Amino acid sequence: MHAIEKIDLALGTVQRDASQPVSWHALETPFEGLTTDNCALSQLETKRGSVAVTFDGVAYPSPLIVPAIAHPLESGKMHFLAAPYAPDTYELFDAREFCAFAKECFTAAGLDNGVSFVSTLFSGSRMILSRELPEAGFEDAHGHKVKTYINLLNSVNKAWPLFANVSEIRTVCFNTATANLMQGGASVPHRPEALRAWVANFPQLLADAILTHKGSANDYLMMSEIPMTMGEAQAFFVALVGTSKLSTRAFNVATESLLAEFNRPALGTYGKSAADAYNAVTRHFTHNGSAEANAEGGTSDTRKREAKEMLLSDSLAETLEKGRKSLADYLAK
């Protein structure tokens, strides 16, 4: 689920720096030298409309505010981004403020304001921004480069807090955003004093996030040192998604979807190691599961956690043998 809708595309806010690889959904527009200043998201103007409440045909002014943008598909109309809210209970943080805030954070950490990917989601109500951190990237045991990103999320409908994390997942859609939320990070309320404190502390927040990310990177490096053939990967996928009696659906997921993801060099899998198997599982279940499935404890989240545990376990050989047996039994039917 990418949650990039017709309004998002019409706004032109779905953009990728031209130096970055195409996303899995390929809905974005490439842009040379994409930054927090020149991205379309930074130009998106959000209006704060006042609300009147009508009783018995008489309209009464209220303190409620409703955020809206000019409708990109219907001239002369407004597109409402969220339900009315009371300004004393919630402070709106819109697209322009989000981009300016990202720039402030990057500057505080000694980074330029370059951006790898940026987009609105759900017809403008949420926004994502991802920036590669070349200094935090690493190479696996086969010399393949693994990129690292800082991801920022925000919403104008209270669905997300202002959130940031560091991971190898570039946020390009709703499910990759959910995956990053589940990996953990830091969030801040939309209050001026809290935002100022966040910017001031951002260099340390970033350093801590990169340090935490190195733990995940170490797991990845360990998996990259475990060789895995195409046949072994197939057996692993069968063991992961199957039961004692392999169903046709589980067989198709394992031998078609997951096995295809195991060797896709353009997307960072090379068909050589346990790390490639883990990436295949992560990509498949992230992009094919619902938001609920990718949330903590959901079925997709559980599958990804199980895959890492199984691949790093001392009993991986037994897991592969179990998968081979299930596959043989299924094919013998």
C-alpha atoms as a PDB file:
ATOM      1  CA  MET A   1       0.000   0.000   0.000  1.00  0.00           C
ATOM      2  CA  HIS A   2       1.614   3.268  -1.090  1.00  0.00           C
ATOM      3  CA  ALA A   3      -1.243   5.686  -0.167  1.00  0.00           C
ATOM      4  CA  ILE A   4      -0.140   8.055  -2.929  1.00  0.00           C
ATOM      5  CA  GLU A   5      -3.473   9.159  -4.311  1.00  0.00           C
ATOM      6  CA  LYS A   6      -4.649  11.158  -7.314  1.00  0.00           C
ATOM      7  CA  ILE A   7      -4.543  14.426  -5.376  1.00  0.00           C
ATOM      8  CA  ASP A   8      -0.948  13.770  -4.257  1.00  0.00           C
ATOM      9  CA  LEU A   9       0.110  13.162  -7.858  1.00  0.00           C
ATOM     10  CA  ALA A  10      -1.772  16.242  -9.067  1.00  0.00           C
ATOM     11  CA  LEU A  11      -0.035  18.359  -6.413  1.00  0.00           C
ATOM     12  CA  GLY A  12       3.329  17.261  -7.827  1.00  0.00           C
ATOM     13  CA  THR A  13       4.644  16.614  -4.333  1.00  0.00           C
ATOM     14  CA  VAL A  14       5.838  13.055  -5.032  1.00  0.00           C
ATOM     15  CA  GLN A  15       9.501  13.597  -5.890  1.00  0.00           C
ATOM     16  CA  ARG A  16      12.824  11.772  -5.893  1.00  0.00           C
ATOM     17  CA  ASP A  17      16.300  13.198  -6.280  1.00  0.00           C
ATOM     18  CA  ALA A  18      17.557  12.140  -9.701  1.00  0.00           C
ATOM     19  CA  SER A  19      20.634  10.501  -8.177  1.00  0.00           C
ATOM     20  CA  GLN A  20      18.477   8.066  -6.181  1.00  0.00           C
ATOM     21  CA  PRO A  21      17.075   4.740  -7.416  1.00  0.00           C
ATOM     22  CA  VAL A  22      13.468   4.574  -8.561  1.00  0.00           C
ATOM     23  CA  SER A  23      11.035   3.551  -5.817  1.00  0.00           C
ATOM     24  CA  TRP A  24       9.088   0.295  -5.920  1.00  0.00           C
ATOM     25  CA  HIS A  25       5.899   2.081  -7.010  1.00  0.00           C
ATOM     26  CA  ALA A  26       7.669   4.372  -9.529  1.00  0.00           C
ATOM     27  CA  LEU A  27       5.049   7.117  -9.088  1.00  0.00           C
ATOM     28  CA  GLU A  28       7.524   9.866  -8.272  1.00  0.00           C
ATOM     29  CA  THR A  29       8.991  12.584 -10.491  1.00  0.00           C
ATOM     30  CA  PRO A  30      12.818  12.758 -10.591  1.00  0.00           C
ATOM     31  CA  PHE A  31      14.325  16.158  -9.792  1.00  0.00           C
ATOM     32  CA  GLU A  32      17.955  17.244 -10.134  1.00  0.00           C
ATOM     33  CA  GLY A  33      19.339  18.537  -6.853  1.00  0.00           C
ATOM     34  CA  LEU A  34      16.203  18.054  -4.748  1.00  0.00           C
ATOM     35  CA  THR A  35      16.292  20.033  -1.477  1.00  0.00           C
ATOM     36  CA  THR A  36      14.028  21.151   1.340  1.00  0.00           C
ATOM     37  CA  ASP A  37      13.804  24.539  -0.410  1.00  0.00           C
ATOM     38  CA  ASN A  38      12.967  23.538  -3.987  1.00  0.00           C
ATOM     39  CA  CYS A  39      10.772  20.470  -3.462  1.00  0.00           C
ATOM     40  CA  ALA A  40       7.110  20.931  -4.333  1.00  0.00           C
ATOM     41  CA  LEU A  41       6.118  20.071  -0.761  1.00  0.00           C
ATOM     42  CA  SER A  42       7.826  23.236   0.485  1.00  0.00           C
ATOM     43  CA  GLN A  43       5.596  25.308  -1.836  1.00  0.00           C
ATOM     44  CA  LEU A  44       2.312  23.729  -0.731  1.00  0.00           C
ATOM     45  CA  GLU A  45       0.185  26.402   0.932  1.00  0.00           C
ATOM     46  CA  THR A  46      -2.155  25.250   3.680  1.00  0.00           C
ATOM     47  CA  LYS A  47      -5.039  27.570   4.543  1.00  0.00           C
ATOM     48  CA  ARG A  48      -6.523  27.749   8.033  1.00  0.00           C
ATOM     49  CA  GLY A  49     -10.258  28.140   7.580  1.00  0.00           C
ATOM     50  CA  SER A  50     -12.692  29.263  10.252  1.00  0.00           C
ATOM     51  CA  VAL A  51     -15.760  27.193  11.075  1.00  0.00           C
ATOM     52  CA  ALA A  52     -19.313  28.277  11.828  1.00  0.00           C
ATOM     53  CA  VAL A  53     -21.848  26.028  13.531  1.00  0.00           C
ATOM     54  CA  THR A  54     -25.499  26.236  12.488  1.00  0.00           C
ATOM     55  CA  PHE A  55     -28.433  25.761  14.863  1.00  0.00           C
ATOM     56  CA  ASP A  56     -32.011  26.119  13.645  1.00  0.00           C
ATOM     57  CA  GLY A  57     -30.802  27.862  10.509  1.00  0.00           C
ATOM     58  CA  VAL A  58     -28.641  30.382  12.380  1.00  0.00           C
ATOM     59  CA  ALA A  59     -24.850  30.258  11.952  1.00  0.00           C
ATOM     60  CA  TYR A  60     -22.667  30.895  14.983  1.00  0.00           C
ATOM     61  CA  PRO A  61     -18.902  31.467  14.805  1.00  0.00           C
ATOM     62  CA  SER A  62     -16.747  28.895  16.596  1.00  0.00           C
ATOM     63  CA  PRO A  63     -13.062  28.758  17.583  1.00  0.00           C
ATOM     64  CA  LEU A  64     -12.515  25.685  15.413  1.00  0.00           C
ATOM     65  CA  ILE A  65     -10.012  25.701  12.543  1.00  0.00           C
ATOM     66  CA  VAL A  66     -10.045  23.467   9.455  1.00  0.00           C
ATOM     67  CA  PRO A  67      -6.873  23.011   7.333  1.00  0.00           C
ATOM     68  CA  ALA A  68      -7.320  22.977   3.546  1.00  0.00           C
ATOM     69  CA  ILE A  69      -5.468  23.440   0.275  1.00  0.00           C
ATOM     70  CA  ALA A  70      -6.611  24.565  -3.146  1.00  0.00           C
ATOM     71  CA  HIS A  71      -8.045  21.489  -4.844  1.00  0.00           C
ATOM     72  CA  PRO A  72      -5.585  20.505  -7.609  1.00  0.00           C
ATOM     73  CA  LEU A  73      -8.211  18.663  -9.663  1.00  0.00           C
ATOM     74  CA  GLU A  74     -11.305  20.849  -9.221  1.00  0.00           C
ATOM     75  CA  SER A  75     -10.803  24.525  -9.943  1.00  0.00           C
ATOM     76  CA  GLY A  76     -12.321  26.930  -7.452  1.00  0.00           C
ATOM     77  CA  LYS A  77     -12.715  24.291  -4.749  1.00  0.00           C
ATOM     78  CA  MET A  78     -10.839  23.613  -1.521  1.00  0.00           C
ATOM     79  CA  HIS A  79      -9.623  20.201  -0.419  1.00  0.00           C
ATOM     80  CA  PHE A  80      -9.966  19.678   3.326  1.00  0.00           C
ATOM     81  CA  LEU A  81      -7.012  17.934   4.959  1.00  0.00           C
ATOM     82  CA  ALA A  82      -8.449  17.163   8.386  1.00  0.00           C
ATOM     83  CA  ALA A  83     -11.431  17.523  10.664  1.00  0.00           C
ATOM     84  CA  PRO A  84     -11.882  20.872  12.438  1.00  0.00           C
ATOM     85  CA  TYR A  85      -9.719  21.240  15.526  1.00  0.00           C
ATOM     86  CA  ALA A  86      -9.500  23.622  18.460  1.00  0.00           C
ATOM     87  CA  PRO A  87      -6.261  25.659  18.261  1.00  0.00           C
ATOM     88  CA  ASP A  88      -5.841  25.551  22.041  1.00  0.00           C
ATOM     89  CA  THR A  89      -5.643  21.738  21.933  1.00  0.00           C
ATOM     90  CA  TYR A  90      -3.602  21.150  18.770  1.00  0.00           C
ATOM     91  CA  GLU A  91      -1.123  23.200  16.782  1.00  0.00           C
ATOM     92  CA  LEU A  92      -1.036  22.585  13.041  1.00  0.00           C
ATOM     93  CA  PHE A  93       2.386  21.947  11.488  1.00  0.00           C
ATOM     94  CA  ASP A  94       1.943  22.188   7.726  1.00  0.00           C
ATOM     95  CA  ALA A  95       4.039  21.186   4.698  1.00  0.00           C
ATOM     96  CA  ARG A  96       6.002  24.436   4.463  1.00  0.00           C
ATOM     97  CA  GLU A  97       6.807  24.371   8.174  1.00  0.00           C
ATOM     98  CA  PHE A  98       7.765  20.708   7.927  1.00  0.00           C
ATOM     99  CA  CYS A  99      10.298  21.369   5.141  1.00  0.00           C
ATOM    100  CA  ALA A 100      11.709  24.430   6.917  1.00  0.00           C
ATOM    101  CA  PHE A 101      12.009  22.384  10.100  1.00  0.00           C
ATOM    102  CA  ALA A 102      13.855  19.590   8.282  1.00  0.00           C
ATOM    103  CA  LYS A 103      16.293  22.172   6.905  1.00  0.00           C
ATOM    104  CA  GLU A 104      16.887  23.592  10.391  1.00  0.00           C
ATOM    105  CA  CYS A 105      17.589  20.124  11.745  1.00  0.00           C
ATOM    106  CA  PHE A 106      19.999  19.268   8.940  1.00  0.00           C
ATOM    107  CA  THR A 107      21.811  22.591   9.349  1.00  0.00           C
ATOM    108  CA  ALA A 108      22.149  22.067  13.113  1.00  0.00           C
ATOM    109  CA  ALA A 109      23.786  18.693  12.408  1.00  0.00           C
ATOM    110  CA  GLY A 110      26.176  20.150   9.822  1.00  0.00           C
ATOM    111  CA  LEU A 111      24.323  18.627   6.855  1.00  0.00           C
ATOM    112  CA  ASP A 112      23.202  20.295   3.655  1.00  0.00           C
ATOM    113  CA  ASN A 113      19.491  20.465   2.869  1.00  0.00           C
ATOM    114  CA  GLY A 114      19.491  17.795   0.187  1.00  0.00           C
ATOM    115  CA  VAL A 115      16.562  15.386   0.049  1.00  0.00           C
ATOM    116  CA  SER A 116      16.403  11.864  -1.411  1.00  0.00           C
ATOM    117  CA  PHE A 117      12.631  11.407  -1.513  1.00  0.00           C
ATOM    118  CA  VAL A 118       9.650  13.504  -0.473  1.00  0.00           C
ATOM    119  CA  SER A 119       5.903  13.086  -0.830  1.00  0.00           C
ATOM    120  CA  THR A 120       2.473  13.764   0.530  1.00  0.00           C
ATOM    121  CA  LEU A 121       0.264  10.758   1.281  1.00  0.00           C
ATOM    122  CA  PHE A 122      -3.476  10.254   1.699  1.00  0.00           C
ATOM    123  CA  SER A 123      -4.346  13.260  -0.492  1.00  0.00           C
ATOM    124  CA  GLY A 124      -2.069  15.719   1.285  1.00  0.00           C
ATOM    125  CA  SER A 125      -2.925  14.908   4.885  1.00  0.00           C
ATOM    126  CA  ARG A 126       0.429  13.252   5.679  1.00  0.00           C
ATOM    127  CA  MET A 127       3.964  13.867   4.474  1.00  0.00           C
ATOM    128  CA  ILE A 128       7.267  12.003   4.311  1.00  0.00           C
ATOM    129  CA  LEU A 129      10.846  13.140   3.735  1.00  0.00           C
ATOM    130  CA  SER A 130      13.894  10.916   3.429  1.00  0.00           C
ATOM    131  CA  ARG A 131      17.566  11.920   3.161  1.00  0.00           C
ATOM    132  CA  GLU A 132      20.462   9.576   2.511  1.00  0.00           C
ATOM    133  CA  LEU A 133      23.284   9.647   5.051  1.00  0.00           C
ATOM    134  CA  PRO A 134      26.319   8.485   3.013  1.00  0.00           C
ATOM    135  CA  GLU A 135      28.554   8.638   6.084  1.00  0.00           C
ATOM    136  CA  ALA A 136      26.349   6.069   7.851  1.00  0.00           C
ATOM    137  CA  GLY A 137      26.144   3.601   4.961  1.00  0.00           C
ATOM    138  CA  PHE A 138      28.068   0.337   4.993  1.00  0.00           C
ATOM    139  CA  GLU A 139      29.123  -2.600   2.819  1.00  0.00           C
ATOM    140  CA  ASP A 140      28.091  -6.212   3.301  1.00  0.00           C
ATOM    141  CA  ALA A 141      30.406  -9.206   3.138  1.00  0.00           C
ATOM    142  CA  HIS A 142      30.140  -9.243  -0.661  1.00  0.00           C
ATOM    143  CA  GLY A 143      31.034  -5.583  -1.108  1.00  0.00           C
ATOM    144  CA  HIS A 144      27.472  -4.485  -1.825  1.00  0.00           C
ATOM    145  CA  LYS A 145      26.699  -1.018  -0.510  1.00  0.00           C
ATOM    146  CA  VAL A 146      23.791  -0.677   1.915  1.00  0.00           C
ATOM    147  CA  LYS A 147      22.424   2.844   2.138  1.00  0.00           C
ATOM    148  CA  THR A 148      21.269   4.517   5.334  1.00  0.00           C
ATOM    149  CA  TYR A 149      18.578   7.192   5.536  1.00  0.00           C
ATOM    150  CA  ILE A 150      17.190   9.660   8.007  1.00  0.00           C
ATOM    151  CA  ASN A 151      13.400   9.667   7.669  1.00  0.00           C
ATOM    152  CA  LEU A 152      11.006  12.362   8.837  1.00  0.00           C
ATOM    153  CA  LEU A 153       7.228  11.936   9.021  1.00  0.00           C
ATOM    154  CA  ASN A 154       4.456  14.423   9.769  1.00  0.00           C
ATOM    155  CA  SER A 155       0.707  14.858   9.400  1.00  0.00           C
ATOM    156  CA  VAL A 156      -1.855  17.645   9.508  1.00  0.00           C
ATOM    157  CA  ASN A 157      -4.668  15.360  10.676  1.00  0.00           C
ATOM    158  CA  LYS A 158      -3.148  14.097  13.955  1.00  0.00           C
ATOM    159  CA  ALA A 159      -2.526  10.647  12.469  1.00  0.00           C
ATOM    160  CA  TRP A 160       1.247  10.899  12.962  1.00  0.00           C
ATOM    161  CA  PRO A 161       3.402  12.937  15.295  1.00  0.00           C
ATOM    162  CA  LEU A 162       6.446  14.709  13.917  1.00  0.00           C
ATOM    163  CA  PHE A 163       8.770  11.699  13.859  1.00  0.00           C
ATOM    164  CA  ALA A 164      12.353  10.930  12.837  1.00  0.00           C
ATOM    165  CA  ASN A 165      14.492   7.813  12.681  1.00  0.00           C
ATOM    166  CA  VAL A 166      17.565   6.380  10.974  1.00  0.00           C
ATOM    167  CA  SER A 167      17.344   3.102   9.073  1.00  0.00           C
ATOM    168  CA  GLU A 168      18.247   1.350   5.830  1.00  0.00           C
ATOM    169  CA  ILE A 169      14.630   1.819   4.727  1.00  0.00           C
ATOM    170  CA  ARG A 170      14.060   4.840   2.495  1.00  0.00           C
ATOM    171  CA  THR A 171      10.560   6.140   3.166  1.00  0.00           C
ATOM    172  CA  VAL A 172       8.758   6.292  -0.179  1.00  0.00           C
ATOM    173  CA  CYS A 173       5.192   5.266   0.741  1.00  0.00           C
ATOM    174  CA  PHE A 174       2.826   4.558   3.615  1.00  0.00           C
ATOM    175  CA  ASN A 175       4.059   1.032   4.298  1.00  0.00           C
ATOM    176  CA  THR A 176       7.739   2.019   4.381  1.00  0.00           C
ATOM    177  CA  ALA A 177       6.739   4.872   6.714  1.00  0.00           C
ATOM    178  CA  THR A 178       4.939   2.363   8.943  1.00  0.00           C
ATOM    179  CA  ALA A 179       7.987   0.081   8.865  1.00  0.00           C
ATOM    180  CA  ASN A 180      10.182   2.949  10.048  1.00  0.00           C
ATOM    181  CA  LEU A 181       7.700   3.869  12.776  1.00  0.00           C
ATOM    182  CA  MET A 182       7.865   0.276  13.990  1.00  0.00           C
ATOM    183  CA  GLN A 183      11.678   0.327  14.027  1.00  0.00           C
ATOM    184  CA  GLY A 184      11.504   3.170  16.516  1.00  0.00           C
ATOM    185  CA  GLY A 185      12.826   6.692  16.619  1.00  0.00           C
ATOM    186  CA  ALA A 186      11.975   9.998  18.252  1.00  0.00           C
ATOM    187  CA  SER A 187       8.863  12.150  18.058  1.00  0.00           C
ATOM    188  CA  VAL A 188       7.966  15.671  19.124  1.00  0.00           C
ATOM    189  CA  PRO A 189       4.633  17.483  19.598  1.00  0.00           C
ATOM    190  CA  HIS A 190       3.714  20.445  17.405  1.00  0.00           C
ATOM    191  CA  ARG A 191       4.564  23.042  20.046  1.00  0.00           C
ATOM    192  CA  PRO A 192       7.027  25.896  19.348  1.00  0.00           C
ATOM    193  CA  GLU A 193       9.095  25.348  22.489  1.00  0.00           C
ATOM    194  CA  ALA A 194       9.286  21.593  21.882  1.00  0.00           C
ATOM    195  CA  LEU A 195      10.283  22.101  18.242  1.00  0.00           C
ATOM    196  CA  ARG A 196      13.024  24.583  19.202  1.00  0.00           C
ATOM    197  CA  ALA A 197      14.404  22.150  21.765  1.00  0.00           C
ATOM    198  CA  TRP A 198      14.330  19.365  19.156  1.00  0.00           C
ATOM    199  CA  VAL A 199      16.385  21.427  16.675  1.00  0.00           C
ATOM    200  CA  ALA A 200      18.897  22.333  19.390  1.00  0.00           C
ATOM    201  CA  ASN A 201      19.236  18.659  20.371  1.00  0.00           C
ATOM    202  CA  PHE A 202      19.129  17.291  16.833  1.00  0.00           C
ATOM    203  CA  PRO A 203      22.894  16.694  16.426  1.00  0.00           C
ATOM    204  CA  GLN A 204      22.859  14.444  19.496  1.00  0.00           C
ATOM    205  CA  LEU A 205      19.563  12.828  18.472  1.00  0.00           C
ATOM    206  CA  LEU A 206      21.057  12.013  15.078  1.00  0.00           C
ATOM    207  CA  ALA A 207      24.283  10.660  16.585  1.00  0.00           C
ATOM    208  CA  ASP A 208      22.297   8.438  18.985  1.00  0.00           C
ATOM    209  CA  ALA A 209      20.057   7.232  16.153  1.00  0.00           C
ATOM    210  CA  ILE A 210      23.053   6.305  13.996  1.00  0.00           C
ATOM    211  CA  LEU A 211      24.616   4.458  16.932  1.00  0.00           C
ATOM    212  CA  THR A 212      21.382   2.514  17.477  1.00  0.00           C
ATOM    213  CA  HIS A 213      21.197   1.795  13.760  1.00  0.00           C
ATOM    214  CA  LYS A 214      24.655   0.233  13.869  1.00  0.00           C
ATOM    215  CA  GLY A 215      23.186  -2.573  15.985  1.00  0.00           C
ATOM    216  CA  SER A 216      20.767  -3.360  13.173  1.00  0.00           C
ATOM    217  CA  ALA A 217      23.606  -3.004  10.686  1.00  0.00           C
ATOM    218  CA  ASN A 218      25.645  -5.576  12.637  1.00  0.00           C
ATOM    219  CA  ASP A 219      22.784  -8.075  12.345  1.00  0.00           C
ATOM    220  CA  TYR A 220      22.658  -7.374   8.622  1.00  0.00           C
ATOM    221  CA  LEU A 221      26.416  -7.869   8.265  1.00  0.00           C
ATOM    222  CA  MET A 222      26.188 -11.179  10.116  1.00  0.00           C
ATOM    223  CA  MET A 223      23.458 -12.329   7.728  1.00  0.00           C
ATOM    224  CA  SER A 224      25.482 -11.197   4.714  1.00  0.00           C
ATOM    225  CA  GLU A 225      28.273 -13.566   5.793  1.00  0.00           C
ATOM    226  CA  ILE A 226      25.922 -16.582   5.649  1.00  0.00           C
ATOM    227  CA  PRO A 227      26.000 -17.933   2.065  1.00  0.00           C
ATOM    228  CA  MET A 228      22.683 -19.002   0.624  1.00  0.00           C
ATOM    229  CA  THR A 229      21.920 -20.577  -2.733  1.00  0.00           C
ATOM    230  CA  MET A 230      18.676 -20.170  -4.648  1.00  0.00           C
ATOM    231  CA  GLY A 231      17.597 -23.646  -3.507  1.00  0.00           C
ATOM    232  CA  GLU A 232      18.371 -22.863   0.122  1.00  0.00           C
ATOM    233  CA  ALA A 233      16.488 -19.586  -0.118  1.00  0.00           C
ATOM    234  CA  GLN A 234      13.479 -21.409  -1.515  1.00  0.00           C
ATOM    235  CA  ALA A 235      13.612 -23.893   1.382  1.00  0.00           C
ATOM    236  CA  PHE A 236      13.896 -21.031   3.874  1.00  0.00           C
ATOM    237  CA  PHE A 237      10.916 -19.184   2.424  1.00  0.00           C
ATOM    238  CA  VAL A 238       8.830 -22.382   2.501  1.00  0.00           C
ATOM    239  CA  ALA A 239       9.752 -22.930   6.159  1.00  0.00           C
ATOM    240  CA  LEU A 240       8.921 -19.302   6.974  1.00  0.00           C
ATOM    241  CA  VAL A 241       5.472 -19.076   5.403  1.00  0.00           C
ATOM    242  CA  GLY A 242       4.384 -22.705   5.470  1.00  0.00           C
ATOM    243  CA  THR A 243       3.152 -25.069   8.134  1.00  0.00           C
ATOM    244  CA  SER A 244       3.695 -28.803   8.454  1.00  0.00           C
ATOM    245  CA  LYS A 245       1.460 -29.142   5.395  1.00  0.00           C
ATOM    246  CA  LEU A 246       2.294 -26.551   2.731  1.00  0.00           C
ATOM    247  CA  SER A 247      -0.737 -24.847   1.171  1.00  0.00           C
ATOM    248  CA  THR A 248      -0.909 -23.727  -2.457  1.00  0.00           C
ATOM    249  CA  ARG A 249      -1.041 -20.088  -1.363  1.00  0.00           C
ATOM    250  CA  ALA A 250       2.053 -20.466   0.854  1.00  0.00           C
ATOM    251  CA  PHE A 251       3.838 -22.333  -1.974  1.00  0.00           C
ATOM    252  CA  ASN A 252       3.134 -19.458  -4.382  1.00  0.00           C
ATOM    253  CA  VAL A 253       4.301 -16.803  -1.907  1.00  0.00           C
ATOM    254  CA  ALA A 254       7.510 -18.719  -1.181  1.00  0.00           C
ATOM    255  CA  THR A 255       8.458 -19.899  -4.661  1.00  0.00           C
ATOM    256  CA  GLU A 256       7.196 -17.000  -6.747  1.00  0.00           C
ATOM    257  CA  SER A 257       6.993 -13.746  -4.796  1.00  0.00           C
ATOM    258  CA  LEU A 258       9.754 -14.203  -2.214  1.00  0.00           C
ATOM    259  CA  LEU A 259      12.141 -16.102  -4.468  1.00  0.00           C
ATOM    260  CA  ALA A 260      11.827 -13.372  -7.106  1.00  0.00           C
ATOM    261  CA  GLU A 261      12.748 -10.756  -4.485  1.00  0.00           C
ATOM    262  CA  PHE A 262      15.820 -12.772  -3.436  1.00  0.00           C
ATOM    263  CA  ASN A 263      17.774 -11.751  -6.538  1.00  0.00           C
ATOM    264  CA  ARG A 264      16.897  -8.233  -7.685  1.00  0.00           C
ATOM    265  CA  PRO A 265      20.200  -6.304  -7.872  1.00  0.00           C
ATOM    266  CA  ALA A 266      18.470  -3.050  -8.842  1.00  0.00           C
ATOM    267  CA  LEU A 267      16.690  -3.148  -5.478  1.00  0.00           C
ATOM    268  CA  GLY A 268      19.630  -4.355  -3.394  1.00  0.00           C
ATOM    269  CA  THR A 269      19.276  -8.144  -3.330  1.00  0.00           C
ATOM    270  CA  TYR A 270      21.852 -10.330  -5.072  1.00  0.00           C
ATOM    271  CA  GLY A 271      20.772 -13.929  -4.478  1.00  0.00           C
ATOM    272  CA  LYS A 272      23.872 -14.833  -2.481  1.00  0.00           C
ATOM    273  CA  SER A 273      23.300 -14.609   1.259  1.00  0.00           C
ATOM    274  CA  ALA A 274      20.929 -14.727   4.204  1.00  0.00           C
ATOM    275  CA  ALA A 275      20.869 -10.924   4.078  1.00  0.00           C
ATOM    276  CA  ASP A 276      19.338 -11.151   0.608  1.00  0.00           C
ATOM    277  CA  ALA A 277      16.712 -13.552   1.961  1.00  0.00           C
ATOM    278  CA  TYR A 278      15.928 -11.148   4.803  1.00  0.00           C
ATOM    279  CA  ASN A 279      15.647  -8.201   2.391  1.00  0.00           C
ATOM    280  CA  ALA A 280      13.323 -10.253   0.206  1.00  0.00           C
ATOM    281  CA  VAL A 281      11.062 -10.984   3.187  1.00  0.00           C
ATOM    282  CA  THR A 282      11.127  -7.346   4.349  1.00  0.00           C
ATOM    283  CA  ARG A 283      10.313  -5.944   0.925  1.00  0.00           C
ATOM    284  CA  HIS A 284       7.538  -8.450   0.182  1.00  0.00           C
ATOM    285  CA  PHE A 285       5.709  -8.149   3.486  1.00  0.00           C
ATOM    286  CA  THR A 286       6.183  -4.383   3.779  1.00  0.00           C
ATOM    287  CA  HIS A 287       4.715  -3.666   0.354  1.00  0.00           C
ATOM    288  CA  ASN A 288       2.049  -6.371   0.290  1.00  0.00           C
ATOM    289  CA  GLY A 289       0.738  -6.047   3.828  1.00  0.00           C
ATOM    290  CA  SER A 290      -1.771  -3.555   5.166  1.00  0.00           C
ATOM    291  CA  ALA A 291      -0.904  -0.833   7.664  1.00  0.00           C
ATOM    292  CA  GLU A 292      -2.333  -3.004  10.422  1.00  0.00           C
ATOM    293  CA  ALA A 293      -0.260  -5.985   9.277  1.00  0.00           C
ATOM    294  CA  ASN A 294       2.925  -3.879   9.327  1.00  0.00           C
ATOM    295  CA  ALA A 295       2.169  -2.380  12.734  1.00  0.00           C
ATOM    296  CA  GLU A 296       3.881  -3.888  15.763  1.00  0.00           C
ATOM    297  CA  GLY A 297       2.490  -7.368  16.372  1.00  0.00           C
ATOM    298  CA  GLY A 298       0.783  -7.477  12.967  1.00  0.00           C
ATOM    299  CA  THR A 299       1.182 -10.451  10.657  1.00  0.00           C
ATOM    300  CA  SER A 300       3.690  -8.775   8.314  1.00  0.00           C
ATOM    301  CA  ASP A 301       5.703  -7.348  11.207  1.00  0.00           C
ATOM    302  CA  THR A 302       5.772 -10.788  12.834  1.00  0.00           C
ATOM    303  CA  ARG A 303       6.970 -12.468   9.632  1.00  0.00           C
ATOM    304  CA  LYS A 304       9.864  -9.987   9.295  1.00  0.00           C
ATOM    305  CA  ARG A 305      10.925 -10.501  12.908  1.00  0.00           C
ATOM    306  CA  GLU A 306      10.669 -14.282  12.553  1.00  0.00           C
ATOM    307  CA  ALA A 307      12.796 -14.195   9.413  1.00  0.00           C
ATOM    308  CA  LYS A 308      15.653 -12.354  11.130  1.00  0.00           C
ATOM    309  CA  GLU A 309      15.518 -14.643  14.156  1.00  0.00           C
ATOM    310  CA  MET A 310      15.517 -17.767  11.993  1.00  0.00           C
ATOM    311  CA  LEU A 311      18.355 -16.572   9.761  1.00  0.00           C
ATOM    312  CA  LEU A 312      20.590 -15.694  12.723  1.00  0.00           C
ATOM    313  CA  SER A 313      19.732 -18.850  14.658  1.00  0.00           C
ATOM    314  CA  ASP A 314      22.162 -21.716  15.188  1.00  0.00           C
ATOM    315  CA  SER A 315      19.380 -23.993  13.931  1.00  0.00           C
ATOM    316  CA  LEU A 316      19.225 -22.466  10.428  1.00  0.00           C
ATOM    317  CA  ALA A 317      20.335 -25.786   8.890  1.00  0.00           C
ATOM    318  CA  GLU A 318      17.379 -27.534  10.546  1.00  0.00           C
ATOM    319  CA  THR A 319      15.052 -24.810   9.278  1.00  0.00           C
ATOM    320  CA  LEU A 320      16.287 -25.339   5.711  1.00  0.00           C
ATOM    321  CA  GLU A 321      15.822 -29.099   6.023  1.00  0.00           C
ATOM    322  CA  LYS A 322      12.284 -28.568   7.269  1.00  0.00           C
ATOM    323  CA  GLY A 323      11.581 -26.345   4.265  1.00  0.00           C
ATOM    324  CA  ARG A 324      13.016 -28.907   1.832  1.00  0.00           C
ATOM    325  CA  LYS A 325      10.833 -31.642   3.289  1.00  0.00           C
ATOM    326  CA  SER A 326       7.664 -29.503   3.145  1.00  0.00           C
ATOM    327  CA  LEU A 327       8.447 -28.585  -0.459  1.00  0.00           C
ATOM    328  CA  ALA A 328       9.097 -32.213  -1.426  1.00  0.00           C
ATOM    329  CA  ASP A 329       5.868 -33.356   0.206  1.00  0.00           C
ATOM    330  CA  TYR A 330       3.887 -30.655  -1.597  1.00  0.00           C
ATOM    331  CA  LEU A 331       5.387 -31.469  -5.006  1.00  0.00           C
ATOM    332  CA  ALA A 332       4.764 -35.174  -4.471  1.00  0.00           C
ATOM    333  CA  LYS A 333       0.994 -34.673  -4.194  1.00  0.00           C
END
